[in-house]
PDB file of N, CA and C in Angstrom:
ATOM      1  N   MET A   1     114.769  48.512-165.210  1.00  0.00           N
ATOM      2  CA  MET A   1     114.151  49.118-164.052  1.00  0.00           C
ATOM      3  C   MET A   1     113.260  48.071-163.381  1.00  0.00           C
ATOM      4  N   LEU A   2     113.323  48.006-162.073  1.00  0.00           N
ATOM      5  CA  LEU A   2     112.481  47.097-161.312  1.00  0.00           C
ATOM      6  C   LEU A   2     111.297  47.870-160.749  1.00  0.00           C
ATOM      7  N   LEU A   3     110.140  47.280-160.824  1.00  0.00           N
ATOM      8  CA  LEU A   3     108.932  47.962-160.372  1.00  0.00           C
ATOM      9  C   LEU A   3     108.548  47.601-158.942  1.00  0.00           C
ATOM     10  N   ARG A   4     109.245  46.639-158.363  1.00  0.00           N
ATOM     11  CA  ARG A   4     108.893  46.204-157.011  1.00  0.00           C
ATOM     12  C   ARG A   4     110.145  46.058-156.149  1.00  0.00           C
ATOM     13  N   ALA A   5     109.973  46.324-154.873  1.00  0.00           N
ATOM     14  CA  ALA A   5     111.004  46.010-153.890  1.00  0.00           C
ATOM     15  C   ALA A   5     110.590  44.678-153.277  1.00  0.00           C
ATOM     16  N   ASP A   6     111.231  43.619-153.729  1.00  0.00           N
ATOM     17  CA  ASP A   6     110.870  42.292-153.251  1.00  0.00           C
ATOM     18  C   ASP A   6     112.128  41.428-153.179  1.00  0.00           C
ATOM     19  N   THR A   7     111.945  40.157-152.862  1.00  0.00           N
ATOM     20  CA  THR A   7     113.084  39.259-152.702  1.00  0.00           C
ATOM     21  C   THR A   7     113.902  39.163-153.983  1.00  0.00           C
ATOM     22  N   HIS A   8     113.254  39.066-155.115  1.00  0.00           N
ATOM     23  CA  HIS A   8     113.963  38.989-156.401  1.00  0.00           C
ATOM     24  C   HIS A   8     114.833  40.237-156.613  1.00  0.00           C
ATOM     25  N   ALA A   9     114.275  41.407-156.359  1.00  0.00           N
ATOM     26  CA  ALA A   9     115.037  42.651-156.525  1.00  0.00           C
ATOM     27  C   ALA A   9     116.211  42.698-155.550  1.00  0.00           C
ATOM     28  N   MET A  10     115.979  42.247-154.315  1.00  0.00           N
ATOM     29  CA  MET A  10     117.052  42.250-153.319  1.00  0.00           C
ATOM     30  C   MET A  10     118.161  41.295-153.720  1.00  0.00           C
ATOM     31  N   GLN A  11     117.791  40.140-154.272  1.00  0.00           N
ATOM     32  CA  GLN A  11     118.803  39.186-154.719  1.00  0.00           C
ATOM     33  C   GLN A  11     119.651  39.794-155.830  1.00  0.00           C
ATOM     34  N   MET A  12     119.012  40.458-156.766  1.00  0.00           N
ATOM     35  CA  MET A  12     119.746  41.122-157.847  1.00  0.00           C
ATOM     36  C   MET A  12     120.688  42.183-157.285  1.00  0.00           C
ATOM     37  N   HIS A  13     120.217  42.928-156.289  1.00  0.00           N
ATOM     38  CA  HIS A  13     121.021  43.978-155.673  1.00  0.00           C
ATOM     39  C   HIS A  13     122.250  43.384-154.979  1.00  0.00           C
ATOM     40  N   LEU A  14     122.046  42.326-154.193  1.00  0.00           N
ATOM     41  CA  LEU A  14     123.179  41.692-153.513  1.00  0.00           C
ATOM     42  C   LEU A  14     124.181  41.125-154.511  1.00  0.00           C
ATOM     43  N   ASP A  15     123.677  40.512-155.571  1.00  0.00           N
ATOM     44  CA  ASP A  15     124.574  39.968-156.590  1.00  0.00           C
ATOM     45  C   ASP A  15     125.399  41.079-157.241  1.00  0.00           C
ATOM     46  N   GLU A  16     124.781  42.217-157.468  1.00  0.00           N
ATOM     47  CA  GLU A  16     125.493  43.359-158.061  1.00  0.00           C
ATOM     48  C   GLU A  16     126.560  43.895-157.102  1.00  0.00           C
ATOM     49  N   ILE A  17     126.211  44.019-155.829  1.00  0.00           N
ATOM     50  CA  ILE A  17     127.201  44.455-154.833  1.00  0.00           C
ATOM     51  C   ILE A  17     128.361  43.473-154.807  1.00  0.00           C
ATOM     52  N   SER A  18     128.046  42.192-154.796  1.00  0.00           N
ATOM     53  CA  SER A  18     129.070  41.149-154.755  1.00  0.00           C
ATOM     54  C   SER A  18     130.040  41.270-155.920  1.00  0.00           C
ATOM     55  N   ARG A  19     129.520  41.540-157.097  1.00  0.00           N
ATOM     56  CA  ARG A  19     130.385  41.683-158.275  1.00  0.00           C
ATOM     57  C   ARG A  19     131.316  42.898-158.162  1.00  0.00           C
ATOM     58  N   ALA A  20     130.896  43.911-157.401  1.00  0.00           N
ATOM     59  CA  ALA A  20     131.696  45.136-157.266  1.00  0.00           C
ATOM     60  C   ALA A  20     132.774  45.028-156.184  1.00  0.00           C
ATOM     61  N   VAL A  21     132.720  43.988-155.360  1.00  0.00           N
ATOM     62  CA  VAL A  21     133.698  43.813-154.292  1.00  0.00           C
ATOM     63  C   VAL A  21     135.001  43.281-154.896  1.00  0.00           C
ATOM     64  N   ALA A  22     136.088  43.904-154.505  1.00  0.00           N
ATOM     65  CA  ALA A  22     137.400  43.498-155.035  1.00  0.00           C
ATOM     66  C   ALA A  22     137.688  42.029-154.718  1.00  0.00           C
ATOM     67  N   ARG A  23     138.431  41.425-155.604  1.00  0.00           N
ATOM     68  CA  ARG A  23     138.824  40.016-155.419  1.00  0.00           C
ATOM     69  C   ARG A  23     139.527  39.855-154.067  1.00  0.00           C
ATOM     70  N   ARG A  24     139.205  38.820-153.353  1.00  0.00           N
ATOM     71  CA  ARG A  24     139.755  38.497-152.032  1.00  0.00           C
ATOM     72  C   ARG A  24     139.382  39.519-150.959  1.00  0.00           C
ATOM     73  N   ALA A  25     138.388  40.343-151.231  1.00  0.00           N
ATOM     74  CA  ALA A  25     137.884  41.292-150.230  1.00  0.00           C
ATOM     75  C   ALA A  25     136.524  40.799-149.743  1.00  0.00           C
ATOM     76  N   HIS A  26     136.032  41.424-148.711  1.00  0.00           N
ATOM     77  CA  HIS A  26     134.731  41.074-148.140  1.00  0.00           C
ATOM     78  C   HIS A  26     134.001  42.374-147.830  1.00  0.00           C
ATOM     79  N   ALA A  27     132.703  42.413-148.054  1.00  0.00           N
ATOM     80  CA  ALA A  27     131.914  43.620-147.802  1.00  0.00           C
ATOM     81  C   ALA A  27     130.828  43.330-146.777  1.00  0.00           C
ATOM     82  N   VAL A  28     130.502  44.352-146.017  1.00  0.00           N
ATOM     83  CA  VAL A  28     129.399  44.292-145.067  1.00  0.00           C
ATOM     84  C   VAL A  28     128.285  45.172-145.597  1.00  0.00           C
ATOM     85  N   VAL A  29     127.067  44.642-145.595  1.00  0.00           N
ATOM     86  CA  VAL A  29     125.912  45.379-146.080  1.00  0.00           C
ATOM     87  C   VAL A  29     124.963  45.574-144.901  1.00  0.00           C
ATOM     88  N   LEU A  30     124.743  46.841-144.527  1.00  0.00           N
ATOM     89  CA  LEU A  30     123.796  47.161-143.455  1.00  0.00           C
ATOM     90  C   LEU A  30     122.412  47.328-144.057  1.00  0.00           C
ATOM     91  N   MET A  31     121.417  46.696-143.430  1.00  0.00           N
ATOM     92  CA  MET A  31     120.057  46.787-143.954  1.00  0.00           C
ATOM     93  C   MET A  31     119.062  46.876-142.806  1.00  0.00           C
ATOM     94  N   ASP A  32     117.939  47.521-143.101  1.00  0.00           N
ATOM     95  CA  ASP A  32     116.851  47.491-142.134  1.00  0.00           C
ATOM     96  C   ASP A  32     116.185  46.121-142.221  1.00  0.00           C
ATOM     97  N   ARG A  33     115.101  45.944-141.525  1.00  0.00           N
ATOM     98  CA  ARG A  33     114.480  44.624-141.443  1.00  0.00           C
ATOM     99  C   ARG A  33     113.261  44.471-142.343  1.00  0.00           C
ATOM    100  N   ALA A  34     113.290  45.121-143.487  1.00  0.00           N
ATOM    101  CA  ALA A  34     112.216  44.905-144.449  1.00  0.00           C
ATOM    102  C   ALA A  34     112.161  43.416-144.772  1.00  0.00           C
ATOM    103  N   GLY A  35     110.975  42.916-145.045  1.00  0.00           N
ATOM    104  CA  GLY A  35     110.802  41.487-145.264  1.00  0.00           C
ATOM    105  C   GLY A  35     111.696  40.927-146.356  1.00  0.00           C
ATOM    106  N   TRP A  36     111.906  41.686-147.417  1.00  0.00           N
ATOM    107  CA  TRP A  36     112.738  41.193-148.514  1.00  0.00           C
ATOM    108  C   TRP A  36     114.231  41.294-148.203  1.00  0.00           C
ATOM    109  N   HIS A  37     114.600  41.945-147.093  1.00  0.00           N
ATOM    110  CA  HIS A  37     115.993  41.999-146.670  1.00  0.00           C
ATOM    111  C   HIS A  37     116.347  40.819-145.779  1.00  0.00           C
ATOM    112  N   SER A  38     115.370  40.321-145.053  1.00  0.00           N
ATOM    113  CA  SER A  38     115.660  39.325-144.022  1.00  0.00           C
ATOM    114  C   SER A  38     115.095  37.940-144.329  1.00  0.00           C
ATOM    115  N   THR A  39     114.585  37.743-145.510  1.00  0.00           N
ATOM    116  CA  THR A  39     114.020  36.447-145.860  1.00  0.00           C
ATOM    117  C   THR A  39     115.100  35.369-146.006  1.00  0.00           C
ATOM    118  N   ASP A  40     114.751  34.166-145.637  1.00  0.00           N
ATOM    119  CA  ASP A  40     115.658  33.030-145.808  1.00  0.00           C
ATOM    120  C   ASP A  40     115.810  32.643-147.277  1.00  0.00           C
ATOM    121  N   LYS A  41     115.004  33.227-148.138  1.00  0.00           N
ATOM    122  CA  LYS A  41     115.062  32.911-149.570  1.00  0.00           C
ATOM    123  C   LYS A  41     116.251  33.573-150.269  1.00  0.00           C
ATOM    124  N   LEU A  42     116.879  34.550-149.616  1.00  0.00           N
ATOM    125  CA  LEU A  42     118.054  35.197-150.224  1.00  0.00           C
ATOM    126  C   LEU A  42     119.253  34.257-150.170  1.00  0.00           C
ATOM    127  N   LYS A  43     120.022  34.254-151.231  1.00  0.00           N
ATOM    128  CA  LYS A  43     121.285  33.520-151.271  1.00  0.00           C
ATOM    129  C   LYS A  43     122.394  34.570-151.188  1.00  0.00           C
ATOM    130  N   VAL A  44     122.890  34.783-149.986  1.00  0.00           N
ATOM    131  CA  VAL A  44     123.894  35.826-149.770  1.00  0.00           C
ATOM    132  C   VAL A  44     125.232  35.353-150.335  1.00  0.00           C
ATOM    133  N   PRO A  45     125.808  36.124-151.245  1.00  0.00           N
ATOM    134  CA  PRO A  45     127.117  35.746-151.808  1.00  0.00           C
ATOM    135  C   PRO A  45     128.170  35.599-150.700  1.00  0.00           C
ATOM    136  N   LYS A  46     129.130  34.718-150.941  1.00  0.00           N
ATOM    137  CA  LYS A  46     130.144  34.417-149.923  1.00  0.00           C
ATOM    138  C   LYS A  46     131.016  35.616-149.559  1.00  0.00           C
ATOM    139  N   ASN A  47     131.101  36.603-150.447  1.00  0.00           N
ATOM    140  CA  ASN A  47     131.964  37.756-150.147  1.00  0.00           C
ATOM    141  C   ASN A  47     131.187  38.906-149.494  1.00  0.00           C
ATOM    142  N   LEU A  48     129.966  38.619-149.037  1.00  0.00           N
ATOM    143  CA  LEU A  48     129.143  39.621-148.346  1.00  0.00           C
ATOM    144  C   LEU A  48     128.694  39.093-146.999  1.00  0.00           C
ATOM    145  N   THR A  49     128.584  40.002-146.042  1.00  0.00           N
ATOM    146  CA  THR A  49     127.936  39.715-144.765  1.00  0.00           C
ATOM    147  C   THR A  49     126.846  40.747-144.578  1.00  0.00           C
ATOM    148  N   ILE A  50     125.663  40.284-144.253  1.00  0.00           N
ATOM    149  CA  ILE A  50     124.546  41.194-143.996  1.00  0.00           C
ATOM    150  C   ILE A  50     124.430  41.418-142.504  1.00  0.00           C
ATOM    151  N   ILE A  51     124.335  42.683-142.121  1.00  0.00           N
ATOM    152  CA  ILE A  51     124.044  43.045-140.732  1.00  0.00           C
ATOM    153  C   ILE A  51     122.699  43.756-140.745  1.00  0.00           C
ATOM    154  N   LEU A  52     121.743  43.179-140.028  1.00  0.00           N
ATOM    155  CA  LEU A  52     120.415  43.782-139.942  1.00  0.00           C
ATOM    156  C   LEU A  52     120.376  44.764-138.778  1.00  0.00           C
ATOM    157  N   LEU A  53     119.918  45.959-139.050  1.00  0.00           N
ATOM    158  CA  LEU A  53     119.790  46.984-138.017  1.00  0.00           C
ATOM    159  C   LEU A  53     118.651  46.609-137.073  1.00  0.00           C
ATOM    160  N   PRO A  54     118.687  47.095-135.836  1.00  0.00           N
ATOM    161  CA  PRO A  54     117.572  46.811-134.926  1.00  0.00           C
ATOM    162  C   PRO A  54     116.256  47.364-135.475  1.00  0.00           C
ATOM    163  N   SER A  55     115.179  46.704-135.129  1.00  0.00           N
ATOM    164  CA  SER A  55     113.857  47.176-135.549  1.00  0.00           C
ATOM    165  C   SER A  55     113.568  48.556-135.000  1.00  0.00           C
ATOM    166  N   ARG A  56     112.782  49.306-135.744  1.00  0.00           N
ATOM    167  CA  ARG A  56     112.325  50.643-135.340  1.00  0.00           C
ATOM    168  C   ARG A  56     113.477  51.551-134.911  1.00  0.00           C
ATOM    169  N   SER A  57     114.516  51.597-135.728  1.00  0.00           N
ATOM    170  CA  SER A  57     115.668  52.453-135.422  1.00  0.00           C
ATOM    171  C   SER A  57     116.136  53.197-136.675  1.00  0.00           C
ATOM    172  N   PRO A  58     115.274  54.042-137.255  1.00  0.00           N
ATOM    173  CA  PRO A  58     115.668  54.738-138.486  1.00  0.00           C
ATOM    174  C   PRO A  58     116.886  55.635-138.300  1.00  0.00           C
ATOM    175  N   GLU A  59     117.158  56.055-137.079  1.00  0.00           N
ATOM    176  CA  GLU A  59     118.315  56.911-136.849  1.00  0.00           C
ATOM    177  C   GLU A  59     119.631  56.182-137.116  1.00  0.00           C
ATOM    178  N   LEU A  60     119.610  54.852-137.146  1.00  0.00           N
ATOM    179  CA  LEU A  60     120.813  54.084-137.437  1.00  0.00           C
ATOM    180  C   LEU A  60     121.007  53.843-138.931  1.00  0.00           C
ATOM    181  N   ASN A  61     119.996  54.144-139.717  1.00  0.00           N
ATOM    182  CA  ASN A  61     120.021  53.852-141.145  1.00  0.00           C
ATOM    183  C   ASN A  61     120.294  55.132-141.931  1.00  0.00           C
ATOM    184  N   PRO A  62     121.524  55.311-142.417  1.00  0.00           N
ATOM    185  CA  PRO A  62     121.860  56.549-143.133  1.00  0.00           C
ATOM    186  C   PRO A  62     120.982  56.824-144.343  1.00  0.00           C
ATOM    187  N   VAL A  63     120.434  55.782-144.968  1.00  0.00           N
ATOM    188  CA  VAL A  63     119.630  56.024-146.170  1.00  0.00           C
ATOM    189  C   VAL A  63     118.334  56.765-145.825  1.00  0.00           C
ATOM    190  N   GLU A  64     117.885  56.690-144.588  1.00  0.00           N
ATOM    191  CA  GLU A  64     116.699  57.457-144.196  1.00  0.00           C
ATOM    192  C   GLU A  64     116.938  58.946-144.407  1.00  0.00           C
ATOM    193  N   LYS A  65     118.148  59.401-144.099  1.00  0.00           N
ATOM    194  CA  LYS A  65     118.499  60.808-144.324  1.00  0.00           C
ATOM    195  C   LYS A  65     118.597  61.128-145.815  1.00  0.00           C
ATOM    196  N   VAL A  66     119.005  60.145-146.606  1.00  0.00           N
ATOM    197  CA  VAL A  66     119.071  60.347-148.059  1.00  0.00           C
ATOM    198  C   VAL A  66     117.672  60.606-148.599  1.00  0.00           C
ATOM    199  N   TRP A  67     116.708  59.752-148.211  1.00  0.00           N
ATOM    200  CA  TRP A  67     115.324  59.943-148.694  1.00  0.00           C
ATOM    201  C   TRP A  67     114.787  61.292-148.239  1.00  0.00           C
ATOM    202  N   GLN A  68     115.085  61.641-146.983  1.00  0.00           N
ATOM    203  CA  GLN A  68     114.628  62.936-146.464  1.00  0.00           C
ATOM    204  C   GLN A  68     115.225  64.081-147.291  1.00  0.00           C
ATOM    205  N   TYR A  69     116.489  63.983-147.625  1.00  0.00           N
ATOM    206  CA  TYR A  69     117.152  65.011-148.424  1.00  0.00           C
ATOM    207  C   TYR A  69     116.521  65.110-149.814  1.00  0.00           C
ATOM    208  N   LEU A  70     116.283  63.965-150.458  1.00  0.00           N
ATOM    209  CA  LEU A  70     115.666  63.966-151.779  1.00  0.00           C
ATOM    210  C   LEU A  70     114.287  64.618-151.739  1.00  0.00           C
ATOM    211  N   ARG A  71     113.489  64.237-150.755  1.00  0.00           N
ATOM    212  CA  ARG A  71     112.143  64.822-150.643  1.00  0.00           C
ATOM    213  C   ARG A  71     112.228  66.322-150.405  1.00  0.00           C
ATOM    214  N   HIS A  72     113.080  66.716-149.484  1.00  0.00           N
ATOM    215  CA  HIS A  72     113.171  68.127-149.111  1.00  0.00           C
ATOM    216  C   HIS A  72     113.662  69.005-150.263  1.00  0.00           C
ATOM    217  N   ASN A  73     114.632  68.508-151.029  1.00  0.00           N
ATOM    218  CA  ASN A  73     115.260  69.334-152.049  1.00  0.00           C
ATOM    219  C   ASN A  73     114.640  69.246-153.435  1.00  0.00           C
ATOM    220  N   TRP A  74     114.057  68.088-153.790  1.00  0.00           N
ATOM    221  CA  TRP A  74     113.614  67.950-155.170  1.00  0.00           C
ATOM    222  C   TRP A  74     112.237  67.319-155.359  1.00  0.00           C
ATOM    223  N   LEU A  75     111.688  66.708-154.335  1.00  0.00           N
ATOM    224  CA  LEU A  75     110.463  65.942-154.568  1.00  0.00           C
ATOM    225  C   LEU A  75     109.240  66.432-153.801  1.00  0.00           C
ATOM    226  N   SER A  76     109.403  67.371-152.903  1.00  0.00           N
ATOM    227  CA  SER A  76     108.254  67.807-152.099  1.00  0.00           C
ATOM    228  C   SER A  76     107.428  68.873-152.812  1.00  0.00           C
ATOM    229  N   ASN A  77     106.213  69.035-152.347  1.00  0.00           N
ATOM    230  CA  ASN A  77     105.287  70.057-152.853  1.00  0.00           C
ATOM    231  C   ASN A  77     105.080  69.966-154.363  1.00  0.00           C
ATOM    232  N   ARG A  78     104.931  68.755-154.841  1.00  0.00           N
ATOM    233  CA  ARG A  78     104.705  68.537-156.270  1.00  0.00           C
ATOM    234  C   ARG A  78     103.521  67.584-156.437  1.00  0.00           C
ATOM    235  N   VAL A  79     102.837  67.747-157.522  1.00  0.00           N
ATOM    236  CA  VAL A  79     101.753  66.843-157.889  1.00  0.00           C
ATOM    237  C   VAL A  79     102.161  66.174-159.194  1.00  0.00           C
ATOM    238  N   PHE A  80     102.074  64.867-159.217  1.00  0.00           N
ATOM    239  CA  PHE A  80     102.463  64.113-160.401  1.00  0.00           C
ATOM    240  C   PHE A  80     101.221  63.607-161.103  1.00  0.00           C
ATOM    241  N   GLU A  81     101.202  63.754-162.397  1.00  0.00           N
ATOM    242  CA  GLU A  81     100.052  63.337-163.197  1.00  0.00           C
ATOM    243  C   GLU A  81      99.978  61.825-163.369  1.00  0.00           C
ATOM    244  N   THR A  82     101.135  61.199-163.564  1.00  0.00           N
ATOM    245  CA  THR A  82     101.150  59.773-163.869  1.00  0.00           C
ATOM    246  C   THR A  82     102.230  59.068-163.053  1.00  0.00           C
ATOM    247  N   TYR A  83     102.151  57.763-163.053  1.00  0.00           N
ATOM    248  CA  TYR A  83     103.170  56.931-162.409  1.00  0.00           C
ATOM    249  C   TYR A  83     104.540  57.186-163.046  1.00  0.00           C
ATOM    250  N   ASP A  84     104.566  57.292-164.367  1.00  0.00           N
ATOM    251  CA  ASP A  84     105.834  57.572-165.061  1.00  0.00           C
ATOM    252  C   ASP A  84     106.432  58.906-164.636  1.00  0.00           C
ATOM    253  N   ASP A  85     105.577  59.885-164.354  1.00  0.00           N
ATOM    254  CA  ASP A  85     106.068  61.183-163.868  1.00  0.00           C
ATOM    255  C   ASP A  85     106.730  61.028-162.499  1.00  0.00           C
ATOM    256  N   VAL A  86     106.163  60.176-161.659  1.00  0.00           N
ATOM    257  CA  VAL A  86     106.761  59.904-160.347  1.00  0.00           C
ATOM    258  C   VAL A  86     108.137  59.259-160.538  1.00  0.00           C
ATOM    259  N   LEU A  87     108.196  58.247-161.397  1.00  0.00           N
ATOM    260  CA  LEU A  87     109.478  57.578-161.661  1.00  0.00           C
ATOM    261  C   LEU A  87     110.510  58.541-162.236  1.00  0.00           C
ATOM    262  N   ASP A  88     110.091  59.357-163.186  1.00  0.00           N
ATOM    263  CA  ASP A  88     111.016  60.320-163.799  1.00  0.00           C
ATOM    264  C   ASP A  88     111.558  61.302-162.765  1.00  0.00           C
ATOM    265  N   ALA A  89     110.678  61.809-161.910  1.00  0.00           N
ATOM    266  CA  ALA A  89     111.111  62.763-160.882  1.00  0.00           C
ATOM    267  C   ALA A  89     112.062  62.103-159.890  1.00  0.00           C
ATOM    268  N   GLY A  90     111.756  60.866-159.494  1.00  0.00           N
ATOM    269  CA  GLY A  90     112.627  60.141-158.576  1.00  0.00           C
ATOM    270  C   GLY A  90     113.997  59.893-159.181  1.00  0.00           C
ATOM    271  N   CYS A  91     114.016  59.485-160.459  1.00  0.00           N
ATOM    272  CA  CYS A  91     115.297  59.244-161.138  1.00  0.00           C
ATOM    273  C   CYS A  91     116.088  60.537-161.293  1.00  0.00           C
ATOM    274  N   GLU A  92     115.405  61.597-161.639  1.00  0.00           N
ATOM    275  CA  GLU A  92     116.091  62.886-161.787  1.00  0.00           C
ATOM    276  C   GLU A  92     116.688  63.330-160.458  1.00  0.00           C
ATOM    277  N   ALA A  93     115.925  63.215-159.379  1.00  0.00           N
ATOM    278  CA  ALA A  93     116.428  63.600-158.057  1.00  0.00           C
ATOM    279  C   ALA A  93     117.625  62.731-157.674  1.00  0.00           C
ATOM    280  N   TRP A  94     117.514  61.430-157.906  1.00  0.00           N
ATOM    281  CA  TRP A  94     118.608  60.513-157.577  1.00  0.00           C
ATOM    282  C   TRP A  94     119.863  60.867-158.361  1.00  0.00           C
ATOM    283  N   ASN A  95     119.720  61.110-159.651  1.00  0.00           N
ATOM    284  CA  ASN A  95     120.873  61.451-160.480  1.00  0.00           C
ATOM    285  C   ASN A  95     121.507  62.771-160.061  1.00  0.00           C
ATOM    286  N   ARG A  96     120.695  63.711-159.631  1.00  0.00           N
ATOM    287  CA  ARG A  96     121.247  64.979-159.134  1.00  0.00           C
ATOM    288  C   ARG A  96     122.053  64.742-157.867  1.00  0.00           C
ATOM    289  N   LEU A  97     121.532  63.866-157.003  1.00  0.00           N
ATOM    290  CA  LEU A  97     122.241  63.584-155.753  1.00  0.00           C
ATOM    291  C   LEU A  97     123.549  62.839-156.000  1.00  0.00           C
ATOM    292  N   ILE A  98     123.541  61.815-156.840  1.00  0.00           N
ATOM    293  CA  ILE A  98     124.777  61.050-157.031  1.00  0.00           C
ATOM    294  C   ILE A  98     125.851  61.854-157.755  1.00  0.00           C
ATOM    295  N   ALA A  99     125.466  62.974-158.347  1.00  0.00           N
ATOM    296  CA  ALA A  99     126.454  63.872-158.942  1.00  0.00           C
ATOM    297  C   ALA A  99     127.135  64.724-157.868  1.00  0.00           C
ATOM    298  N   GLN A 100     126.704  64.568-156.608  1.00  0.00           N
ATOM    299  CA  GLN A 100     127.246  65.347-155.491  1.00  0.00           C
ATOM    300  C   GLN A 100     127.735  64.407-154.385  1.00  0.00           C
ATOM    301  N   PRO A 101     128.827  63.679-154.604  1.00  0.00           N
ATOM    302  CA  PRO A 101     129.267  62.704-153.599  1.00  0.00           C
ATOM    303  C   PRO A 101     129.547  63.320-152.230  1.00  0.00           C
ATOM    304  N   GLU A 102     129.999  64.571-152.209  1.00  0.00           N
ATOM    305  CA  GLU A 102     130.258  65.217-150.909  1.00  0.00           C
ATOM    306  C   GLU A 102     128.971  65.413-150.128  1.00  0.00           C
ATOM    307  N   THR A 103     127.870  65.629-150.819  1.00  0.00           N
ATOM    308  CA  THR A 103     126.579  65.760-150.154  1.00  0.00           C
ATOM    309  C   THR A 103     126.147  64.424-149.578  1.00  0.00           C
ATOM    310  N   ILE A 104     126.326  63.369-150.332  1.00  0.00           N
ATOM    311  CA  ILE A 104     125.981  62.029-149.837  1.00  0.00           C
ATOM    312  C   ILE A 104     126.775  61.726-148.582  1.00  0.00           C
ATOM    313  N   THR A 105     128.061  62.034-148.597  1.00  0.00           N
ATOM    314  CA  THR A 105     128.896  61.803-147.418  1.00  0.00           C
ATOM    315  C   THR A 105     128.385  62.592-146.229  1.00  0.00           C
ATOM    316  N   SER A 106     128.077  63.859-146.430  1.00  0.00           N
ATOM    317  CA  SER A 106     127.668  64.710-145.308  1.00  0.00           C
ATOM    318  C   SER A 106     126.328  64.288-144.721  1.00  0.00           C
ATOM    319  N   ILE A 107     125.386  63.866-145.542  1.00  0.00           N
ATOM    320  CA  ILE A 107     124.085  63.488-144.979  1.00  0.00           C
ATOM    321  C   ILE A 107     124.101  62.078-144.407  1.00  0.00           C
ATOM    322  N   GLY A 108     125.118  61.292-144.747  1.00  0.00           N
ATOM    323  CA  GLY A 108     125.205  59.939-144.210  1.00  0.00           C
ATOM    324  C   GLY A 108     126.021  59.833-142.938  1.00  0.00           C
ATOM    325  N   LEU A 109     126.751  60.884-142.591  1.00  0.00           N
ATOM    326  CA  LEU A 109     127.586  60.842-141.385  1.00  0.00           C
ATOM    327  C   LEU A 109     126.742  60.877-140.122  1.00  0.00           C
ATOM    328  N   ARG A 110     127.242  60.229-139.105  1.00  0.00           N
ATOM    329  CA  ARG A 110     126.612  60.255-137.788  1.00  0.00           C
ATOM    330  C   ARG A 110     127.680  60.649-136.775  1.00  0.00           C
ATOM    331  N   ASP A 111     127.455  61.750-136.064  1.00  0.00           N
ATOM    332  CA  ASP A 111     128.433  62.211-135.079  1.00  0.00           C
ATOM    333  C   ASP A 111     128.727  61.135-134.042  1.00  0.00           C
ATOM    334  N   TRP A 112     127.687  60.424-133.579  1.00  0.00           N
ATOM    335  CA  TRP A 112     127.874  59.429-132.535  1.00  0.00           C
ATOM    336  C   TRP A 112     128.754  58.265-133.003  1.00  0.00           C
ATOM    337  N   ALA A 113     128.837  58.042-134.313  1.00  0.00           N
ATOM    338  CA  ALA A 113     129.644  56.935-134.834  1.00  0.00           C
ATOM    339  C   ALA A 113     131.131  57.263-134.810  1.00  0.00           C
ATOM    340  N   HIS A 114     131.485  58.518-134.605  1.00  0.00           N
ATOM    341  CA  HIS A 114     132.871  58.939-134.611  1.00  0.00           C
ATOM    342  C   HIS A 114     133.331  59.430-133.241  1.00  0.00           C
ATOM    343  N   ALA A 115     132.540  59.178-132.220  1.00  0.00           N
ATOM    344  CA  ALA A 115     132.882  59.625-130.871  1.00  0.00           C
ATOM    345  C   ALA A 115     134.215  59.014-130.441  1.00  0.00           C
ATOM    346  N   GLY A 116     135.067  59.829-129.860  1.00  0.00           N
ATOM    347  CA  GLY A 116     136.339  59.358-129.352  1.00  0.00           C
ATOM    348  C   GLY A 116     137.424  59.169-130.392  1.00  0.00           C
ATOM    349  N   GLN A 117     137.152  59.552-131.624  1.00  0.00           N
ATOM    350  CA  GLN A 117     138.175  59.391-132.668  1.00  0.00           C
ATOM    351  C   GLN A 117     138.866  60.690-132.954  1.00  0.00           C
TER     352      GLN A 117
END
């Protein structure tokens, strides 16, 4: 488990994505402009291309809806005693969500992205 969202964590994440990409395939990773996403210190694997979303445009970032869904369904109106309780609740909510791939698909869709199709 990583305790920080920083350049090191982002590098590990990109390396993991890269390993999951099929041989001779290429993946595109959409990211917001958090400092650890856009730093020159990242070594982007050759089988990945990073596309940075425009600044201040959460409506373009599907993961914003994921966080909203997690908060609304499993994490809101709660008081946590300890940091570990926060982590446990977050992990439990995440695991509940990933057990529902159809829900992830539905909250990540954007009507405007499918216009004219």
